[in-house]
Amino acid sequence: MNDEQIAKVAHEVNRAYCKALGDMSQQAWENAPEWQRNSAIKGVAFHRANPDAGPDHGHNAWLREKEADGWKYGPVKDVKKKEHPCFVPYDELPVEQKAKDFLFREVVRQLA
């Protein structure tokens, strides 16, 4: 599978996990904004290039990418303001959010 195909699976796993938590805000891959799809593809590329990297490293790579794109912390995800509640160091993430990093990494590991 290529990076985009793996990213689609990882995205859909994340979407299902979010639904299980009561978060219905995630759109299907086909309807997700381009920036979100690109972010997932970059996450796949990171884990493929760094197969021993832990979920914390994946989050930190995501954090650096978001920061470079002008994002900052905000209590609610707001695309227009470029604010995200997960824009914090990995150790400060709630366990429910850390789980998403574990799931993403494992999808990449299994499908790469």
PDB file of N, CA and C in Angstrom:
ATOM      1  N   MET A   1       0.846  -1.192   0.000  1.00  0.00           N
ATOM      2  CA  MET A   1       0.000   0.000   0.000  1.00  0.00           C
ATOM      3  C   MET A   1       0.885   1.246   0.000  1.00  0.00           C
ATOM      4  N   ASN A   2       0.422   2.283  -0.670  1.00  0.00           N
ATOM      5  CA  ASN A   2       1.183   3.522  -0.651  1.00  0.00           C
ATOM      6  C   ASN A   2       0.746   4.390   0.543  1.00  0.00           C
ATOM      7  N   ASP A   3       1.446   5.504   0.728  1.00  0.00           N
ATOM      8  CA  ASP A   3       1.186   6.353   1.898  1.00  0.00           C
ATOM      9  C   ASP A   3      -0.255   6.860   1.940  1.00  0.00           C
ATOM     10  N   GLU A   4      -0.795   7.247   0.792  1.00  0.00           N
ATOM     11  CA  GLU A   4      -2.160   7.768   0.779  1.00  0.00           C
ATOM     12  C   GLU A   4      -3.177   6.684   1.138  1.00  0.00           C
ATOM     13  N   GLN A   5      -2.981   5.485   0.646  1.00  0.00           N
ATOM     14  CA  GLN A   5      -3.901   4.393   0.970  1.00  0.00           C
ATOM     15  C   GLN A   5      -3.858   4.072   2.469  1.00  0.00           C
ATOM     16  N   ILE A   6      -2.666   4.041   3.030  1.00  0.00           N
ATOM     17  CA  ILE A   6      -2.528   3.781   4.468  1.00  0.00           C
ATOM     18  C   ILE A   6      -3.136   4.931   5.268  1.00  0.00           C
ATOM     19  N   ALA A   7      -2.910   6.164   4.814  1.00  0.00           N
ATOM     20  CA  ALA A   7      -3.468   7.331   5.503  1.00  0.00           C
ATOM     21  C   ALA A   7      -4.992   7.272   5.533  1.00  0.00           C
ATOM     22  N   LYS A   8      -5.586   6.808   4.439  1.00  0.00           N
ATOM     23  CA  LYS A   8      -7.045   6.689   4.390  1.00  0.00           C
ATOM     24  C   LYS A   8      -7.533   5.696   5.450  1.00  0.00           C
ATOM     25  N   VAL A   9      -6.878   4.560   5.562  1.00  0.00           N
ATOM     26  CA  VAL A   9      -7.271   3.569   6.574  1.00  0.00           C
ATOM     27  C   VAL A   9      -7.089   4.154   7.975  1.00  0.00           C
ATOM     28  N   ALA A  10      -5.941   4.787   8.208  1.00  0.00           N
ATOM     29  CA  ALA A  10      -5.676   5.377   9.526  1.00  0.00           C
ATOM     30  C   ALA A  10      -6.712   6.448   9.851  1.00  0.00           C
ATOM     31  N   HIS A  11      -7.072   7.247   8.875  1.00  0.00           N
ATOM     32  CA  HIS A  11      -8.087   8.293   9.061  1.00  0.00           C
ATOM     33  C   HIS A  11      -9.426   7.672   9.449  1.00  0.00           C
ATOM     34  N   GLU A  12      -9.810   6.624   8.738  1.00  0.00           N
ATOM     35  CA  GLU A  12     -11.101   5.993   9.013  1.00  0.00           C
ATOM     36  C   GLU A  12     -11.109   5.288  10.371  1.00  0.00           C
ATOM     37  N   VAL A  13      -9.985   4.718  10.772  1.00  0.00           N
ATOM     38  CA  VAL A  13      -9.886   4.138  12.115  1.00  0.00           C
ATOM     39  C   VAL A  13     -10.049   5.244  13.151  1.00  0.00           C
ATOM     40  N   ASN A  14      -9.387   6.374  12.923  1.00  0.00           N
ATOM     41  CA  ASN A  14      -9.495   7.515  13.834  1.00  0.00           C
ATOM     42  C   ASN A  14     -10.942   8.019  13.885  1.00  0.00           C
ATOM     43  N   ARG A  15     -11.573   8.082  12.741  1.00  0.00           N
ATOM     44  CA  ARG A  15     -12.968   8.546  12.679  1.00  0.00           C
ATOM     45  C   ARG A  15     -13.888   7.617  13.473  1.00  0.00           C
ATOM     46  N   ALA A  16     -13.686   6.314  13.327  1.00  0.00           N
ATOM     47  CA  ALA A  16     -14.491   5.343  14.077  1.00  0.00           C
ATOM     48  C   ALA A  16     -14.236   5.474  15.580  1.00  0.00           C
ATOM     49  N   TYR A  17     -12.971   5.647  15.953  1.00  0.00           N
ATOM     50  CA  TYR A  17     -12.628   5.824  17.369  1.00  0.00           C
ATOM     51  C   TYR A  17     -13.293   7.091  17.913  1.00  0.00           C
ATOM     52  N   CYS A  18     -13.237   8.180  17.152  1.00  0.00           N
ATOM     53  CA  CYS A  18     -13.874   9.425  17.580  1.00  0.00           C
ATOM     54  C   CYS A  18     -15.379   9.229  17.766  1.00  0.00           C
ATOM     55  N   LYS A  19     -16.005   8.513  16.833  1.00  0.00           N
ATOM     56  CA  LYS A  19     -17.439   8.234  16.964  1.00  0.00           C
ATOM     57  C   LYS A  19     -17.720   7.472  18.252  1.00  0.00           C
ATOM     58  N   ALA A  20     -16.862   6.506  18.581  1.00  0.00           N
ATOM     59  CA  ALA A  20     -17.039   5.721  19.811  1.00  0.00           C
ATOM     60  C   ALA A  20     -16.976   6.617  21.047  1.00  0.00           C
ATOM     61  N   LEU A  21     -16.242   7.723  20.934  1.00  0.00           N
ATOM     62  CA  LEU A  21     -16.135   8.668  22.044  1.00  0.00           C
ATOM     63  C   LEU A  21     -17.246   9.718  22.019  1.00  0.00           C
ATOM     64  N   GLY A  22     -18.115   9.657  20.996  1.00  0.00           N
ATOM     65  CA  GLY A  22     -19.199  10.620  20.876  1.00  0.00           C
ATOM     66  C   GLY A  22     -18.848  11.839  20.036  1.00  0.00           C
ATOM     67  N   ASP A  23     -17.679  11.832  19.413  1.00  0.00           N
ATOM     68  CA  ASP A  23     -17.240  12.935  18.558  1.00  0.00           C
ATOM     69  C   ASP A  23     -17.613  12.610  17.120  1.00  0.00           C
ATOM     70  N   MET A  24     -18.623  13.272  16.620  1.00  0.00           N
ATOM     71  CA  MET A  24     -19.107  13.011  15.259  1.00  0.00           C
ATOM     72  C   MET A  24     -18.579  14.042  14.259  1.00  0.00           C
ATOM     73  N   SER A  25     -17.535  14.782  14.626  1.00  0.00           N
ATOM     74  CA  SER A  25     -17.050  15.878  13.791  1.00  0.00           C
ATOM     75  C   SER A  25     -16.162  15.440  12.636  1.00  0.00           C
ATOM     76  N   GLN A  26     -15.669  14.218  12.680  1.00  0.00           N
ATOM     77  CA  GLN A  26     -14.746  13.770  11.639  1.00  0.00           C
ATOM     78  C   GLN A  26     -15.511  13.332  10.396  1.00  0.00           C
ATOM     79  N   GLN A  27     -15.072  13.828   9.259  1.00  0.00           N
ATOM     80  CA  GLN A  27     -15.699  13.463   7.988  1.00  0.00           C
ATOM     81  C   GLN A  27     -14.989  12.267   7.368  1.00  0.00           C
ATOM     82  N   ALA A  28     -15.703  11.560   6.511  1.00  0.00           N
ATOM     83  CA  ALA A  28     -15.103  10.459   5.764  1.00  0.00           C
ATOM     84  C   ALA A  28     -13.930  10.995   4.949  1.00  0.00           C
ATOM     85  N   TRP A  29     -12.965  10.130   4.663  1.00  0.00           N
ATOM     86  CA  TRP A  29     -11.758  10.511   3.929  1.00  0.00           C
ATOM     87  C   TRP A  29     -12.089  11.319   2.667  1.00  0.00           C
ATOM     88  N   GLU A  30     -13.061  10.849   1.909  1.00  0.00           N
ATOM     89  CA  GLU A  30     -13.409  11.497   0.650  1.00  0.00           C
ATOM     90  C   GLU A  30     -13.922  12.922   0.850  1.00  0.00           C
ATOM     91  N   ASN A  31     -14.488  13.206   2.014  1.00  0.00           N
ATOM     92  CA  ASN A  31     -15.044  14.522   2.307  1.00  0.00           C
ATOM     93  C   ASN A  31     -14.152  15.358   3.220  1.00  0.00           C
ATOM     94  N   ALA A  32     -13.098  14.771   3.715  1.00  0.00           N
ATOM     95  CA  ALA A  32     -12.200  15.491   4.627  1.00  0.00           C
ATOM     96  C   ALA A  32     -11.470  16.588   3.867  1.00  0.00           C
ATOM     97  N   PRO A  33     -11.189  17.698   4.540  1.00  0.00           N
ATOM     98  CA  PRO A  33     -10.462  18.769   3.857  1.00  0.00           C
ATOM     99  C   PRO A  33      -9.067  18.316   3.431  1.00  0.00           C
ATOM    100  N   GLU A  34      -8.565  18.926   2.388  1.00  0.00           N
ATOM    101  CA  GLU A  34      -7.260  18.540   1.848  1.00  0.00           C
ATOM    102  C   GLU A  34      -6.157  18.638   2.892  1.00  0.00           C
ATOM    103  N   TRP A  35      -6.181  19.692   3.735  1.00  0.00           N
ATOM    104  CA  TRP A  35      -5.135  19.847   4.747  1.00  0.00           C
ATOM    105  C   TRP A  35      -5.129  18.667   5.717  1.00  0.00           C
ATOM    106  N   GLN A  36      -6.311  18.130   6.011  1.00  0.00           N
ATOM    107  CA  GLN A  36      -6.405  17.005   6.936  1.00  0.00           C
ATOM    108  C   GLN A  36      -5.888  15.723   6.290  1.00  0.00           C
ATOM    109  N   ARG A  37      -6.236  15.517   5.036  1.00  0.00           N
ATOM    110  CA  ARG A  37      -5.726  14.346   4.324  1.00  0.00           C
ATOM    111  C   ARG A  37      -4.200  14.428   4.192  1.00  0.00           C
ATOM    112  N   ASN A  38      -3.696  15.616   3.847  1.00  0.00           N
ATOM    113  CA  ASN A  38      -2.244  15.792   3.722  1.00  0.00           C
ATOM    114  C   ASN A  38      -1.530  15.552   5.044  1.00  0.00           C
ATOM    115  N   SER A  39      -2.129  15.980   6.132  1.00  0.00           N
ATOM    116  CA  SER A  39      -1.543  15.764   7.450  1.00  0.00           C
ATOM    117  C   SER A  39      -1.433  14.261   7.754  1.00  0.00           C
ATOM    118  N   ALA A  40      -2.466  13.520   7.408  1.00  0.00           N
ATOM    119  CA  ALA A  40      -2.444  12.066   7.631  1.00  0.00           C
ATOM    120  C   ALA A  40      -1.375  11.405   6.758  1.00  0.00           C
ATOM    121  N   ILE A  41      -1.253  11.844   5.523  1.00  0.00           N
ATOM    122  CA  ILE A  41      -0.238  11.285   4.625  1.00  0.00           C
ATOM    123  C   ILE A  41       1.159  11.570   5.172  1.00  0.00           C
ATOM    124  N   LYS A  42       1.373  12.772   5.683  1.00  0.00           N
ATOM    125  CA  LYS A  42       2.670  13.111   6.287  1.00  0.00           C
ATOM    126  C   LYS A  42       2.929  12.252   7.525  1.00  0.00           C
ATOM    127  N   GLY A  43       1.887  11.980   8.295  1.00  0.00           N
ATOM    128  CA  GLY A  43       2.031  11.117   9.471  1.00  0.00           C
ATOM    129  C   GLY A  43       2.440   9.704   9.084  1.00  0.00           C
ATOM    130  N   VAL A  44       1.857   9.205   8.011  1.00  0.00           N
ATOM    131  CA  VAL A  44       2.231   7.878   7.511  1.00  0.00           C
ATOM    132  C   VAL A  44       3.690   7.891   7.073  1.00  0.00           C
ATOM    133  N   ALA A  45       4.077   8.901   6.308  1.00  0.00           N
ATOM    134  CA  ALA A  45       5.466   8.997   5.835  1.00  0.00           C
ATOM    135  C   ALA A  45       6.429   9.050   7.014  1.00  0.00           C
ATOM    136  N   PHE A  46       6.059   9.781   8.070  1.00  0.00           N
ATOM    137  CA  PHE A  46       6.916   9.864   9.251  1.00  0.00           C
ATOM    138  C   PHE A  46       7.120   8.478   9.864  1.00  0.00           C
ATOM    139  N   HIS A  47       6.034   7.753  10.091  1.00  0.00           N
ATOM    140  CA  HIS A  47       6.154   6.447  10.743  1.00  0.00           C
ATOM    141  C   HIS A  47       6.816   5.402   9.846  1.00  0.00           C
ATOM    142  N   ARG A  48       6.642   5.525   8.543  1.00  0.00           N
ATOM    143  CA  ARG A  48       7.345   4.603   7.640  1.00  0.00           C
ATOM    144  C   ARG A  48       8.845   4.878   7.665  1.00  0.00           C
ATOM    145  N   ALA A  49       9.221   6.144   7.726  1.00  0.00           N
ATOM    146  CA  ALA A  49      10.641   6.515   7.752  1.00  0.00           C
ATOM    147  C   ALA A  49      11.276   6.268   9.117  1.00  0.00           C
ATOM    148  N   ASN A  50      10.435   6.199  10.157  1.00  0.00           N
ATOM    149  CA  ASN A  50      10.907   6.025  11.537  1.00  0.00           C
ATOM    150  C   ASN A  50      10.118   4.900  12.200  1.00  0.00           C
ATOM    151  N   PRO A  51      10.312   3.661  11.761  1.00  0.00           N
ATOM    152  CA  PRO A  51       9.468   2.559  12.237  1.00  0.00           C
ATOM    153  C   PRO A  51       9.557   2.278  13.734  1.00  0.00           C
ATOM    154  N   ASP A  52      10.628   2.712  14.378  1.00  0.00           N
ATOM    155  CA  ASP A  52      10.756   2.494  15.818  1.00  0.00           C
ATOM    156  C   ASP A  52      10.261   3.678  16.642  1.00  0.00           C
ATOM    157  N   ALA A  53       9.794   4.727  15.991  1.00  0.00           N
ATOM    158  CA  ALA A  53       9.304   5.904  16.704  1.00  0.00           C
ATOM    159  C   ALA A  53       8.017   5.562  17.443  1.00  0.00           C
ATOM    160  N   GLY A  54       7.928   6.033  18.654  1.00  0.00           N
ATOM    161  CA  GLY A  54       6.731   5.805  19.452  1.00  0.00           C
ATOM    162  C   GLY A  54       5.614   6.767  19.078  1.00  0.00           C
ATOM    163  N   PRO A  55       4.444   6.551  19.638  1.00  0.00           N
ATOM    164  CA  PRO A  55       3.322   7.440  19.353  1.00  0.00           C
ATOM    165  C   PRO A  55       3.608   8.879  19.776  1.00  0.00           C
ATOM    166  N   ASP A  56       4.433   9.048  20.817  1.00  0.00           N
ATOM    167  CA  ASP A  56       4.787  10.399  21.246  1.00  0.00           C
ATOM    168  C   ASP A  56       5.587  11.119  20.173  1.00  0.00           C
ATOM    169  N   HIS A  57       6.462  10.405  19.487  1.00  0.00           N
ATOM    170  CA  HIS A  57       7.235  11.006  18.408  1.00  0.00           C
ATOM    171  C   HIS A  57       6.334  11.399  17.232  1.00  0.00           C
ATOM    172  N   GLY A  58       5.342  10.561  16.961  1.00  0.00           N
ATOM    173  CA  GLY A  58       4.387  10.890  15.910  1.00  0.00           C
ATOM    174  C   GLY A  58       3.609  12.155  16.247  1.00  0.00           C
ATOM    175  N   HIS A  59       3.192  12.264  17.504  1.00  0.00           N
ATOM    176  CA  HIS A  59       2.466  13.467  17.929  1.00  0.00           C
ATOM    177  C   HIS A  59       3.360  14.699  17.825  1.00  0.00           C
ATOM    178  N   ASN A  60       4.607  14.550  18.257  1.00  0.00           N
ATOM    179  CA  ASN A  60       5.527  15.689  18.210  1.00  0.00           C
ATOM    180  C   ASN A  60       5.801  16.129  16.774  1.00  0.00           C
ATOM    181  N   ALA A  61       5.874  15.174  15.844  1.00  0.00           N
ATOM    182  CA  ALA A  61       6.049  15.520  14.429  1.00  0.00           C
ATOM    183  C   ALA A  61       4.819  16.275  13.929  1.00  0.00           C
ATOM    184  N   TRP A  62       3.637  15.815  14.318  1.00  0.00           N
ATOM    185  CA  TRP A  62       2.388  16.495  13.965  1.00  0.00           C
ATOM    186  C   TRP A  62       2.371  17.907  14.538  1.00  0.00           C
ATOM    187  N   LEU A  63       2.800  18.034  15.783  1.00  0.00           N
ATOM    188  CA  LEU A  63       2.829  19.330  16.458  1.00  0.00           C
ATOM    189  C   LEU A  63       3.756  20.309  15.726  1.00  0.00           C
ATOM    190  N   ARG A  64       4.935  19.842  15.331  1.00  0.00           N
ATOM    191  CA  ARG A  64       5.873  20.700  14.588  1.00  0.00           C
ATOM    192  C   ARG A  64       5.287  21.128  13.244  1.00  0.00           C
ATOM    193  N   GLU A  65       4.623  20.189  12.577  1.00  0.00           N
ATOM    194  CA  GLU A  65       3.995  20.501  11.288  1.00  0.00           C
ATOM    195  C   GLU A  65       2.920  21.564  11.462  1.00  0.00           C
ATOM    196  N   LYS A  66       2.072  21.392  12.456  1.00  0.00           N
ATOM    197  CA  LYS A  66       0.998  22.349  12.711  1.00  0.00           C
ATOM    198  C   LYS A  66       1.564  23.722  13.079  1.00  0.00           C
ATOM    199  N   GLU A  67       2.580  23.730  13.919  1.00  0.00           N
ATOM    200  CA  GLU A  67       3.186  24.995  14.331  1.00  0.00           C
ATOM    201  C   GLU A  67       3.758  25.742  13.118  1.00  0.00           C
ATOM    202  N   ALA A  68       4.422  25.010  12.241  1.00  0.00           N
ATOM    203  CA  ALA A  68       4.994  25.613  11.031  1.00  0.00           C
ATOM    204  C   ALA A  68       3.904  26.188  10.128  1.00  0.00           C
ATOM    205  N   ASP A  69       2.705  25.639  10.228  1.00  0.00           N
ATOM    206  CA  ASP A  69       1.587  26.102   9.417  1.00  0.00           C
ATOM    207  C   ASP A  69       0.760  27.176  10.128  1.00  0.00           C
ATOM    208  N   GLY A  70       1.211  27.622  11.306  1.00  0.00           N
ATOM    209  CA  GLY A  70       0.534  28.713  11.995  1.00  0.00           C
ATOM    210  C   GLY A  70      -0.517  28.319  13.009  1.00  0.00           C
ATOM    211  N   TRP A  71      -0.626  27.031  13.322  1.00  0.00           N
ATOM    212  CA  TRP A  71      -1.608  26.589  14.300  1.00  0.00           C
ATOM    213  C   TRP A  71      -1.125  26.897  15.712  1.00  0.00           C
ATOM    214  N   LYS A  72      -2.082  26.948  16.641  1.00  0.00           N
ATOM    215  CA  LYS A  72      -1.781  27.170  18.049  1.00  0.00           C
ATOM    216  C   LYS A  72      -2.827  26.441  18.892  1.00  0.00           C
ATOM    217  N   TYR A  73      -2.619  26.469  20.200  1.00  0.00           N
ATOM    218  CA  TYR A  73      -3.583  25.831  21.100  1.00  0.00           C
ATOM    219  C   TYR A  73      -4.886  26.626  21.127  1.00  0.00           C
ATOM    220  N   GLY A  74      -5.971  25.900  21.188  1.00  0.00           N
ATOM    221  CA  GLY A  74      -7.299  26.464  21.408  1.00  0.00           C
ATOM    222  C   GLY A  74      -8.152  25.390  22.045  1.00  0.00           C
ATOM    223  N   PRO A  75      -9.074  25.754  22.923  1.00  0.00           N
ATOM    224  CA  PRO A  75      -9.866  24.742  23.642  1.00  0.00           C
ATOM    225  C   PRO A  75     -10.780  23.923  22.740  1.00  0.00           C
ATOM    226  N   VAL A  76     -11.086  24.454  21.549  1.00  0.00           N
ATOM    227  CA  VAL A  76     -11.942  23.776  20.580  1.00  0.00           C
ATOM    228  C   VAL A  76     -11.258  23.867  19.220  1.00  0.00           C
ATOM    229  N   LYS A  77     -11.302  22.779  18.464  1.00  0.00           N
ATOM    230  CA  LYS A  77     -10.710  22.797  17.130  1.00  0.00           C
ATOM    231  C   LYS A  77     -11.446  23.817  16.261  1.00  0.00           C
ATOM    232  N   ASP A  78     -10.680  24.765  15.744  1.00  0.00           N
ATOM    233  CA  ASP A  78     -11.236  25.816  14.902  1.00  0.00           C
ATOM    234  C   ASP A  78     -10.292  26.006  13.718  1.00  0.00           C
ATOM    235  N   VAL A  79     -10.699  25.518  12.568  1.00  0.00           N
ATOM    236  CA  VAL A  79      -9.851  25.539  11.376  1.00  0.00           C
ATOM    237  C   VAL A  79      -9.555  26.968  10.937  1.00  0.00           C
ATOM    238  N   LYS A  80     -10.551  27.830  11.005  1.00  0.00           N
ATOM    239  CA  LYS A  80     -10.347  29.213  10.563  1.00  0.00           C
ATOM    240  C   LYS A  80      -9.329  29.944  11.433  1.00  0.00           C
ATOM    241  N   LYS A  81      -9.373  29.710  12.736  1.00  0.00           N
ATOM    242  CA  LYS A  81      -8.424  30.350  13.657  1.00  0.00           C
ATOM    243  C   LYS A  81      -7.120  29.561  13.757  1.00  0.00           C
ATOM    244  N   LYS A  82      -7.102  28.375  13.176  1.00  0.00           N
ATOM    245  CA  LYS A  82      -5.960  27.451  13.284  1.00  0.00           C
ATOM    246  C   LYS A  82      -5.651  27.167  14.758  1.00  0.00           C
ATOM    247  N   GLU A  83      -6.698  26.758  15.466  1.00  0.00           N
ATOM    248  CA  GLU A  83      -6.573  26.385  16.880  1.00  0.00           C
ATOM    249  C   GLU A  83      -6.979  24.927  17.047  1.00  0.00           C
ATOM    250  N   HIS A  84      -6.269  24.243  17.934  1.00  0.00           N
ATOM    251  CA  HIS A  84      -6.529  22.815  18.141  1.00  0.00           C
ATOM    252  C   HIS A  84      -6.280  22.468  19.610  1.00  0.00           C
ATOM    253  N   PRO A  85      -7.191  21.722  20.243  1.00  0.00           N
ATOM    254  CA  PRO A  85      -7.006  21.362  21.652  1.00  0.00           C
ATOM    255  C   PRO A  85      -5.874  20.361  21.891  1.00  0.00           C
ATOM    256  N   CYS A  86      -5.406  19.697  20.844  1.00  0.00           N
ATOM    257  CA  CYS A  86      -4.296  18.743  20.999  1.00  0.00           C
ATOM    258  C   CYS A  86      -2.946  19.399  20.713  1.00  0.00           C
ATOM    259  N   PHE A  87      -2.942  20.708  20.565  1.00  0.00           N
ATOM    260  CA  PHE A  87      -1.700  21.436  20.315  1.00  0.00           C
ATOM    261  C   PHE A  87      -0.985  21.661  21.651  1.00  0.00           C
ATOM    262  N   VAL A  88      -0.592  20.547  22.255  1.00  0.00           N
ATOM    263  CA  VAL A  88       0.116  20.527  23.544  1.00  0.00           C
ATOM    264  C   VAL A  88       1.162  19.418  23.477  1.00  0.00           C
ATOM    265  N   PRO A  89       2.161  19.461  24.366  1.00  0.00           N
ATOM    266  CA  PRO A  89       3.113  18.349  24.412  1.00  0.00           C
ATOM    267  C   PRO A  89       2.383  17.027  24.668  1.00  0.00           C
ATOM    268  N   TYR A  90       2.953  15.968  24.156  1.00  0.00           N
ATOM    269  CA  TYR A  90       2.324  14.643  24.262  1.00  0.00           C
ATOM    270  C   TYR A  90       1.933  14.296  25.696  1.00  0.00           C
ATOM    271  N   ASP A  91       2.811  14.602  26.641  1.00  0.00           N
ATOM    272  CA  ASP A  91       2.550  14.259  28.043  1.00  0.00           C
ATOM    273  C   ASP A  91       1.323  14.965  28.607  1.00  0.00           C
ATOM    274  N   GLU A  92       0.894  16.040  27.967  1.00  0.00           N
ATOM    275  CA  GLU A  92      -0.266  16.785  28.446  1.00  0.00           C
ATOM    276  C   GLU A  92      -1.572  16.370  27.772  1.00  0.00           C
ATOM    277  N   LEU A  93      -1.486  15.469  26.821  1.00  0.00           N
ATOM    278  CA  LEU A  93      -2.697  14.999  26.143  1.00  0.00           C
ATOM    279  C   LEU A  93      -3.521  14.115  27.067  1.00  0.00           C
ATOM    280  N   PRO A  94      -4.838  14.206  26.979  1.00  0.00           N
ATOM    281  CA  PRO A  94      -5.680  13.243  27.701  1.00  0.00           C
ATOM    282  C   PRO A  94      -5.458  11.845  27.119  1.00  0.00           C
ATOM    283  N   VAL A  95      -5.660  10.836  27.918  1.00  0.00           N
ATOM    284  CA  VAL A  95      -5.418   9.453  27.490  1.00  0.00           C
ATOM    285  C   VAL A  95      -6.219   9.107  26.232  1.00  0.00           C
ATOM    286  N   GLU A  96      -7.420   9.669  26.101  1.00  0.00           N
ATOM    287  CA  GLU A  96      -8.245   9.395  24.921  1.00  0.00           C
ATOM    288  C   GLU A  96      -7.575   9.902  23.648  1.00  0.00           C
ATOM    289  N   GLN A  97      -6.860  11.009  23.756  1.00  0.00           N
ATOM    290  CA  GLN A  97      -6.159  11.561  22.599  1.00  0.00           C
ATOM    291  C   GLN A  97      -4.857  10.806  22.332  1.00  0.00           C
ATOM    292  N   LYS A  98      -4.179  10.375  23.381  1.00  0.00           N
ATOM    293  CA  LYS A  98      -2.972   9.567  23.205  1.00  0.00           C
ATOM    294  C   LYS A  98      -3.305   8.272  22.473  1.00  0.00           C
ATOM    295  N   ALA A  99      -4.474   7.723  22.749  1.00  0.00           N
ATOM    296  CA  ALA A  99      -4.891   6.471  22.103  1.00  0.00           C
ATOM    297  C   ALA A  99      -4.928   6.629  20.586  1.00  0.00           C
ATOM    298  N   LYS A 100      -5.311   7.802  20.102  1.00  0.00           N
ATOM    299  CA  LYS A 100      -5.358   8.027  18.650  1.00  0.00           C
ATOM    300  C   LYS A 100      -3.966   7.913  18.040  1.00  0.00           C
ATOM    301  N   ASP A 101      -2.941   8.377  18.768  1.00  0.00           N
ATOM    302  CA  ASP A 101      -1.567   8.263  18.264  1.00  0.00           C
ATOM    303  C   ASP A 101      -1.115   6.806  18.232  1.00  0.00           C
ATOM    304  N   PHE A 102      -1.514   6.023  19.231  1.00  0.00           N
ATOM    305  CA  PHE A 102      -1.185   4.593  19.243  1.00  0.00           C
ATOM    306  C   PHE A 102      -1.863   3.880  18.075  1.00  0.00           C
ATOM    307  N   LEU A 103      -3.136   4.175  17.855  1.00  0.00           N
ATOM    308  CA  LEU A 103      -3.878   3.540  16.765  1.00  0.00           C
ATOM    309  C   LEU A 103      -3.292   3.904  15.407  1.00  0.00           C
ATOM    310  N   PHE A 104      -2.981   5.180  15.207  1.00  0.00           N
ATOM    311  CA  PHE A 104      -2.414   5.623  13.938  1.00  0.00           C
ATOM    312  C   PHE A 104      -1.109   4.890  13.652  1.00  0.00           C
ATOM    313  N   ARG A 105      -0.228   4.868  14.644  1.00  0.00           N
ATOM    314  CA  ARG A 105       1.067   4.214  14.457  1.00  0.00           C
ATOM    315  C   ARG A 105       0.890   2.739  14.129  1.00  0.00           C
ATOM    316  N   GLU A 106      -0.012   2.077  14.813  1.00  0.00           N
ATOM    317  CA  GLU A 106      -0.181   0.635  14.588  1.00  0.00           C
ATOM    318  C   GLU A 106      -0.775   0.342  13.208  1.00  0.00           C
ATOM    319  N   VAL A 107      -1.691   1.186  12.748  1.00  0.00           N
ATOM    320  CA  VAL A 107      -2.220   1.007  11.396  1.00  0.00           C
ATOM    321  C   VAL A 107      -1.067   1.104  10.394  1.00  0.00           C
ATOM    322  N   VAL A 108      -0.221   2.107  10.557  1.00  0.00           N
ATOM    323  CA  VAL A 108       0.911   2.255   9.633  1.00  0.00           C
ATOM    324  C   VAL A 108       1.820   1.047   9.707  1.00  0.00           C
ATOM    325  N   ARG A 109       2.126   0.588  10.904  1.00  0.00           N
ATOM    326  CA  ARG A 109       3.033  -0.549  11.066  1.00  0.00           C
ATOM    327  C   ARG A 109       2.477  -1.809  10.411  1.00  0.00           C
ATOM    328  N   GLN A 110       1.191  -2.011  10.518  1.00  0.00           N
ATOM    329  CA  GLN A 110       0.584  -3.229   9.977  1.00  0.00           C
ATOM    330  C   GLN A 110       0.423  -3.185   8.457  1.00  0.00           C
ATOM    331  N   LEU A 111       0.199  -2.004   7.913  1.00  0.00           N
ATOM    332  CA  LEU A 111      -0.085  -1.896   6.478  1.00  0.00           C
ATOM    333  C   LEU A 111       1.126  -1.505   5.632  1.00  0.00           C
ATOM    334  N   ALA A 112       2.171  -1.021   6.264  1.00  0.00           N
ATOM    335  CA  ALA A 112       3.356  -0.561   5.507  1.00  0.00           C
ATOM    336  C   ALA A 112       4.102  -1.743   4.916  1.00  0.00           C
TER     337      ALA A 112
END
